[in-house]
Amino acid sequence: MALPPASTGVEIPAALLDTLWSEAEAGSLELSRDEFAQKLMAVGAKYNYGLAPGQRASSMQVETFYRALQLRELALAHACALGREAAWEQFLQRFRAPLTLAAVAITGSSSLGQDLADSLYSELFGLTERDGQRRSPLASYSGRGSLMGWLRTTLAQRHVDHHRRTRRETPLEDTDFAAASSAPTPTTEALSRLGDSLAETLRALTPDDRFLLSAYFLDRRTLLEIAQLLCIHESTVSRKLKNLTAGLHRQLLKRLQASGMSKRAADEALGTDPRDLDLNLRNLLQAPTAGTFSNQTKSSGTKQT
C-alpha cells in the first residue's frame, strides 16, 4: 500500500515523538517513527488539536491533544492500513472474536453475522481499490475514541447500507448498533445548544466532582491512582464516577429539552463526541476551584471521603 501524503500539521518535537512512539508500542507493529509522526500530524491538523477552527495551538495544547489519543490503537490501525503483517496479527488476535460477536448481535443471526464480519475483514484488509491503490477504512481511524467502538459503528453502518441496497421496501429492524450508526448528524444549532448546556452543567458541579472527572477523563488516571489520592476505596471511586456521569446525562437531557429540543433530538445530540464541540473541556473542569490531578496531589494529602 502507498504511504499517505505528508501532513500539513505542526511538526512534532523529536523528544515528544519518541515518547509517543514508545507509548504506542509502534515498533512491534513494524511502524516507523516517521510513519507514526505523519499520522499524528494528519489527525492533529484535521481536528486543529481540539481547538475551534482558526485558533492556533500552543506547543502545550498540541502535546495535550496527542497524549489524549488512543495511541496504541491509532498505531495499530495505521500499521494495518499500511499492510504490516505484525500489525494484522495483533489486530486479528484482539478483535476478530469480539467483532464477530458484535456482527451476530447486529444481524440477529449467526450465519449473517459471520458473513457481515467476513465482508468487513475483506474491506479492512484493503481489498477495495480506489484510484488504482488499495485502500483500507482503517486509515480513517483517528484515535479519538476506542478502536472497538469505531469497528462496531463501521459494522453497523455496513449492515444498514446492505439492508438499504437489498431491501429498500422493508423497514430495518431496531437494534442498538443500527440506531446509533444511522442517527443523523446533529445540526450546527443542536451542537451549539449542546455546547452551552454542557458548559452550564459542568460549571454547576462541585469542585470535587469536577476534579474527579478531570482526573479520570482528562488526566487519564486509573481508578486506583485516584483512590490512593483521595484515601478512599477503588470501588468507591468507580461508584462515584458511575453516578456522576449518569447524573450529567440526566442534567444535559433536561437542559437540552428546556432549550426547545425534542427528547429524540436531545438524545441524538448527546451521542456527539464532546471533542467535536467548540468547547474547552479542560478549562471548564480545571477552573481555579478544581485543579489538575497533579495540583490536587500537592494540596489534598489529607483529603478523606
Protein backbone atom coordinates (compact mmCIF):
# COMPACT_ATOMS: atom_id res chain seq x y z
CA MET A 1 0.00 0.00 0.00
CA ALA A 2 1.21 3.52 -0.73
CA LEU A 3 2.11 5.82 2.13
CA PRO A 4 -0.24 8.73 2.80
CA PRO A 5 0.83 12.17 1.63
CA ALA A 6 2.84 14.27 4.04
CA SER A 7 0.72 16.03 6.66
CA THR A 8 0.37 19.78 6.98
CA GLY A 9 0.21 19.52 10.78
CA VAL A 10 2.68 21.06 13.22
CA GLU A 11 5.98 19.19 13.28
CA ILE A 12 6.35 17.10 16.43
CA PRO A 13 9.47 17.69 18.55
CA ALA A 14 11.81 14.69 18.45
CA ALA A 15 11.65 14.04 22.20
CA LEU A 16 7.85 14.08 22.24
CA LEU A 17 7.65 11.88 19.15
CA ASP A 18 9.98 9.33 20.75
CA THR A 19 7.74 9.25 23.82
CA LEU A 20 4.51 8.90 21.83
CA TRP A 21 6.02 6.27 19.52
CA SER A 22 7.20 4.29 22.54
CA GLU A 23 3.86 4.55 24.38
CA ALA A 24 2.09 3.36 21.23
CA GLU A 25 4.40 0.34 21.02
CA ALA A 26 4.63 1.18 17.33
CA GLY A 27 7.91 -0.66 16.87
CA SER A 28 6.22 -4.00 17.48
CA LEU A 29 3.82 -3.14 14.64
CA GLU A 30 6.59 -2.51 12.11
CA LEU A 31 5.65 1.17 12.12
CA SER A 32 8.50 3.68 11.86
CA ARG A 33 8.70 6.95 13.78
CA ASP A 34 8.27 8.94 10.57
CA GLU A 35 5.16 6.98 9.58
CA PHE A 36 3.64 7.43 13.02
CA ALA A 37 4.53 11.13 13.00
CA GLN A 38 2.77 11.57 9.66
CA LYS A 39 -0.39 10.01 11.06
CA LEU A 40 -0.29 12.08 14.25
CA MET A 41 0.21 15.31 12.35
CA ALA A 42 -2.62 14.46 9.96
CA VAL A 43 -5.02 13.84 12.85
CA GLY A 44 -3.85 16.97 14.65
CA ALA A 45 -4.31 19.12 11.54
CA LYS A 46 -7.74 17.63 10.81
CA TYR A 47 -9.11 18.43 14.26
CA ASN A 48 -6.97 21.53 14.88
CA TYR A 49 -5.65 19.91 18.05
CA GLY A 50 -9.08 20.04 19.69
CA LEU A 51 -9.43 23.82 19.27
CA ALA A 52 -12.01 25.88 17.42
CA PRO A 53 -11.33 26.44 13.71
CA GLY A 54 -8.91 29.31 13.16
CA GLN A 55 -7.34 29.12 16.62
CA ARG A 56 -3.61 28.50 16.75
CA ALA A 57 -2.49 25.72 19.09
CA SER A 58 0.39 26.24 21.50
CA SER A 59 3.06 23.60 21.89
CA MET A 60 1.44 22.53 25.17
CA GLN A 61 -2.01 22.23 23.55
CA VAL A 62 -0.52 20.16 20.74
CA GLU A 63 1.13 17.81 23.21
CA THR A 64 -2.05 17.56 25.30
CA PHE A 65 -4.05 16.67 22.20
CA TYR A 66 -1.64 13.91 21.20
CA ARG A 67 -1.46 12.43 24.69
CA ALA A 68 -5.28 12.24 24.83
CA LEU A 69 -5.39 10.00 21.74
CA GLN A 70 -5.67 6.21 21.90
CA LEU A 71 -2.04 5.94 20.83
CA ARG A 72 -1.70 2.16 20.78
CA GLU A 73 -4.90 1.67 18.83
CA LEU A 74 -4.06 4.52 16.45
CA ALA A 75 -0.67 2.95 15.71
CA LEU A 76 -2.28 -0.47 15.25
CA ALA A 77 -4.92 0.81 12.83
CA HIS A 78 -2.38 2.84 10.86
CA ALA A 79 0.06 -0.06 10.60
CA CYS A 80 -2.76 -2.33 9.43
CA ALA A 81 -3.79 0.23 6.82
CA LEU A 82 -0.20 0.19 5.58
CA GLY A 83 -0.35 -3.61 5.33
CA ARG A 84 2.11 -4.52 8.09
CA GLU A 85 1.90 -8.24 8.85
CA ALA A 86 2.82 -7.89 12.53
CA ALA A 87 0.02 -5.36 13.00
CA TRP A 88 -2.55 -7.60 11.33
CA GLU A 89 -1.55 -10.48 13.58
CA GLN A 90 -2.21 -8.33 16.64
CA PHE A 91 -5.42 -6.93 15.16
CA LEU A 92 -6.91 -10.35 14.46
CA GLN A 93 -5.86 -11.67 17.86
CA ARG A 94 -7.53 -8.75 19.65
CA PHE A 95 -10.58 -8.00 17.54
CA ARG A 96 -11.62 -10.95 15.39
CA ALA A 97 -13.69 -12.74 18.06
CA PRO A 98 -15.39 -9.66 19.60
CA LEU A 99 -16.06 -8.22 16.14
CA THR A 100 -17.74 -11.43 15.01
CA LEU A 101 -19.89 -11.45 18.16
CA ALA A 102 -20.85 -7.83 17.50
CA ALA A 103 -21.82 -8.70 13.92
CA VAL A 104 -24.00 -11.57 15.14
CA ALA A 105 -25.68 -9.21 17.61
CA ILE A 106 -26.32 -6.64 14.87
CA THR A 107 -27.82 -9.10 12.40
CA GLY A 108 -29.53 -11.37 14.92
CA SER A 109 -28.17 -14.37 13.02
CA SER A 110 -25.01 -16.43 13.40
CA SER A 111 -24.62 -17.04 9.67
CA LEU A 112 -25.49 -13.49 8.63
CA GLY A 113 -23.24 -12.13 11.36
CA GLN A 114 -20.33 -14.23 10.15
CA ASP A 115 -20.93 -13.01 6.59
CA LEU A 116 -21.05 -9.40 7.76
CA ALA A 117 -17.83 -9.78 9.76
CA ASP A 118 -16.06 -11.50 6.86
CA SER A 119 -17.08 -8.77 4.44
CA LEU A 120 -15.73 -6.11 6.80
CA TYR A 121 -12.45 -8.00 7.24
CA SER A 122 -12.02 -8.01 3.46
CA GLU A 123 -12.67 -4.28 3.35
CA LEU A 124 -10.31 -3.58 6.25
CA PHE A 125 -7.55 -5.59 4.57
CA GLY A 126 -7.69 -3.04 1.78
CA LEU A 127 -9.11 -5.21 -0.98
CA THR A 128 -11.11 -2.23 -2.26
CA GLU A 129 -9.25 -0.24 -4.90
CA ARG A 130 -9.59 3.48 -5.39
CA ASP A 131 -7.59 5.47 -7.96
CA GLY A 132 -5.56 2.35 -8.63
CA GLN A 133 -4.48 1.92 -5.00
CA ARG A 134 -5.67 -0.46 -2.32
CA ARG A 135 -7.47 1.37 0.45
CA SER A 136 -8.39 0.32 3.97
CA PRO A 137 -11.10 2.08 6.04
CA LEU A 138 -8.72 1.76 8.99
CA ALA A 139 -6.81 4.71 7.53
CA SER A 140 -9.71 6.96 8.64
CA TYR A 141 -9.50 5.95 12.32
CA SER A 142 -8.31 8.99 14.27
CA GLY A 143 -7.59 7.55 17.72
CA ARG A 144 -10.09 9.93 19.33
CA GLY A 145 -12.25 7.06 20.58
CA SER A 146 -11.76 3.34 21.11
CA LEU A 147 -10.92 1.25 18.06
CA MET A 148 -13.52 -1.34 19.08
CA GLY A 149 -16.19 1.36 19.19
CA TRP A 150 -15.14 2.54 15.74
CA LEU A 151 -15.27 -1.02 14.43
CA ARG A 152 -18.76 -1.60 15.87
CA THR A 153 -20.03 1.59 14.29
CA THR A 154 -18.48 0.62 10.96
CA LEU A 155 -20.07 -2.82 11.17
CA ALA A 156 -23.46 -1.34 11.95
CA GLN A 157 -23.24 1.12 9.09
CA ARG A 158 -22.28 -1.64 6.65
CA HIS A 159 -25.31 -3.61 7.85
CA VAL A 160 -27.58 -0.60 7.32
CA ASP A 161 -26.10 0.05 3.87
CA HIS A 162 -26.53 -3.57 2.84
CA HIS A 163 -30.10 -3.64 4.10
CA ARG A 164 -30.97 -0.49 2.16
CA ARG A 165 -29.46 -1.91 -1.02
CA THR A 166 -31.19 -5.26 -0.81
CA ARG A 167 -34.47 -4.50 0.96
CA ARG A 168 -35.44 -0.97 0.09
CA GLU A 169 -39.11 -1.57 0.85
CA THR A 170 -38.62 -3.39 4.16
CA PRO A 171 -38.21 -1.36 7.38
CA LEU A 172 -34.95 -2.00 9.19
CA GLU A 173 -35.42 -3.78 12.50
CA ASP A 174 -34.37 -1.78 15.51
CA THR A 175 -31.00 -2.69 17.03
CA ASP A 176 -28.80 -0.65 19.32
CA PHE A 177 -25.94 -0.60 16.83
CA ALA A 178 -28.08 0.23 13.81
CA ALA A 179 -29.81 3.02 15.67
CA ALA A 180 -26.53 4.50 16.78
CA SER A 181 -24.98 4.41 13.33
CA SER A 182 -27.98 5.67 11.38
CA ALA A 183 -28.76 8.59 13.65
CA PRO A 184 -28.48 11.88 11.75
CA THR A 185 -25.55 14.15 12.48
CA PRO A 186 -26.68 16.95 14.83
CA THR A 187 -27.13 20.33 13.16
CA THR A 188 -24.91 23.32 13.92
CA GLU A 189 -27.70 24.75 16.08
CA ALA A 190 -28.02 21.47 18.01
CA LEU A 191 -24.27 21.35 18.58
CA SER A 192 -24.34 24.94 19.81
CA ARG A 193 -27.13 24.14 22.28
CA LEU A 194 -25.27 21.03 23.42
CA GLY A 195 -22.08 23.03 23.98
CA ASP A 196 -23.91 25.67 26.00
CA SER A 197 -25.76 23.04 28.06
CA LEU A 198 -22.59 21.08 28.73
CA ALA A 199 -20.73 24.20 29.82
CA GLU A 200 -23.56 25.20 32.20
CA THR A 201 -23.80 21.68 33.61
CA LEU A 202 -20.06 21.36 34.25
CA ARG A 203 -19.85 24.81 35.86
CA ALA A 204 -22.62 23.80 38.26
CA LEU A 205 -20.64 20.81 39.55
CA THR A 206 -18.83 20.90 42.86
CA PRO A 207 -15.02 21.24 42.76
CA ASP A 208 -14.70 17.62 43.93
CA ASP A 209 -16.87 16.35 41.10
CA ARG A 210 -15.01 18.41 38.52
CA PHE A 211 -11.72 17.14 39.88
CA LEU A 212 -12.92 13.54 39.64
CA LEU A 213 -13.97 13.96 36.01
CA SER A 214 -10.76 15.79 35.17
CA ALA A 215 -8.51 13.22 36.81
CA TYR A 216 -10.20 10.27 35.13
CA PHE A 217 -11.15 11.56 31.67
CA LEU A 218 -8.57 14.29 31.00
CA ASP A 219 -5.52 13.30 33.06
CA ARG A 220 -6.28 9.64 32.24
CA ARG A 221 -5.57 8.44 35.78
CA THR A 222 -6.61 4.98 36.87
CA LEU A 223 -9.27 4.31 39.49
CA LEU A 224 -6.55 3.05 41.81
CA GLU A 225 -4.47 6.24 41.44
CA ILE A 226 -7.48 8.42 42.19
CA ALA A 227 -8.48 6.22 45.13
CA GLN A 228 -5.00 6.46 46.66
CA LEU A 229 -5.00 10.23 46.30
CA LEU A 230 -8.44 10.65 47.89
CA CYS A 231 -7.84 7.98 50.55
CA ILE A 232 -10.92 6.01 49.58
CA HIS A 233 -11.50 2.56 48.12
CA GLU A 234 -11.17 1.97 44.40
CA SER A 235 -14.77 0.69 44.22
CA THR A 236 -15.94 3.96 45.79
CA VAL A 237 -14.25 5.93 43.01
CA SER A 238 -15.89 3.69 40.42
CA ARG A 239 -19.31 4.15 42.00
CA LYS A 240 -18.85 7.92 42.25
CA LEU A 241 -17.88 8.15 38.59
CA LYS A 242 -20.82 6.00 37.51
CA ASN A 243 -23.31 8.09 39.50
CA LEU A 244 -21.70 11.33 38.36
CA THR A 245 -21.79 10.51 34.64
CA ALA A 246 -25.37 9.23 34.91
CA GLY A 247 -26.36 12.46 36.64
CA LEU A 248 -24.63 14.53 33.97
CA HIS A 249 -26.58 12.69 31.27
CA ARG A 250 -29.87 13.41 33.02
CA GLN A 251 -28.99 17.08 33.53
CA LEU A 252 -27.90 17.54 29.93
CA LEU A 253 -31.05 15.90 28.64
CA LYS A 254 -33.16 18.18 30.83
CA ARG A 255 -31.28 21.32 29.74
CA LEU A 256 -31.48 20.43 26.05
CA GLN A 257 -35.23 19.83 26.26
CA ALA A 258 -35.64 23.09 28.17
CA SER A 259 -33.86 24.85 25.30
CA GLY A 260 -36.60 23.69 22.93
CA MET A 261 -35.23 20.38 21.62
CA SER A 262 -37.40 17.29 21.46
CA LYS A 263 -36.36 14.29 23.56
CA ARG A 264 -35.33 12.41 20.42
CA ALA A 265 -33.23 15.33 19.14
CA ALA A 266 -31.65 15.72 22.58
CA ASP A 267 -30.77 12.01 22.72
CA GLU A 268 -29.18 12.25 19.26
CA ALA A 269 -27.19 15.32 20.28
CA LEU A 270 -25.89 13.50 23.38
CA GLY A 271 -24.32 10.92 21.06
CA THR A 272 -21.91 13.60 19.81
CA ASP A 273 -18.21 13.28 20.68
CA PRO A 274 -17.60 16.17 23.13
CA ARG A 275 -14.25 16.79 21.42
CA ASP A 276 -16.13 17.84 18.28
CA LEU A 277 -17.74 20.75 20.15
CA ASP A 278 -16.36 24.28 20.19
CA LEU A 279 -15.64 23.84 23.87
CA ASN A 280 -12.51 23.57 26.01
CA LEU A 281 -13.43 20.85 28.50
CA ARG A 282 -10.10 21.12 30.30
CA ASN A 283 -10.66 24.79 31.05
CA LEU A 284 -14.17 24.08 32.31
CA LEU A 285 -13.18 21.16 34.53
CA GLN A 286 -9.91 22.64 35.74
CA ALA A 287 -11.17 26.06 36.71
CA PRO A 288 -9.36 27.69 39.68
CA THR A 289 -11.57 25.78 42.12
CA ALA A 290 -10.87 22.41 40.51
CA GLY A 291 -7.08 21.90 39.81
CA THR A 292 -5.41 19.20 37.81
CA PHE A 293 -4.60 15.81 39.21
CA SER A 294 -1.03 16.89 39.93
CA ASN A 295 -2.19 20.09 41.66
CA GLN A 296 -4.67 18.15 43.77
CA THR A 297 -1.89 15.75 44.75
CA LYS A 298 0.10 18.62 46.21
CA SER A 299 -2.76 20.21 48.11
CA SER A 300 -5.01 17.41 49.37
CA GLY A 301 -2.84 14.80 51.00
CA THR A 302 -5.21 14.66 54.00
CA LYS A 303 -8.41 14.55 51.98
CA GLN A 304 -10.92 11.96 53.14
CA THR A 305 -14.15 10.65 51.66
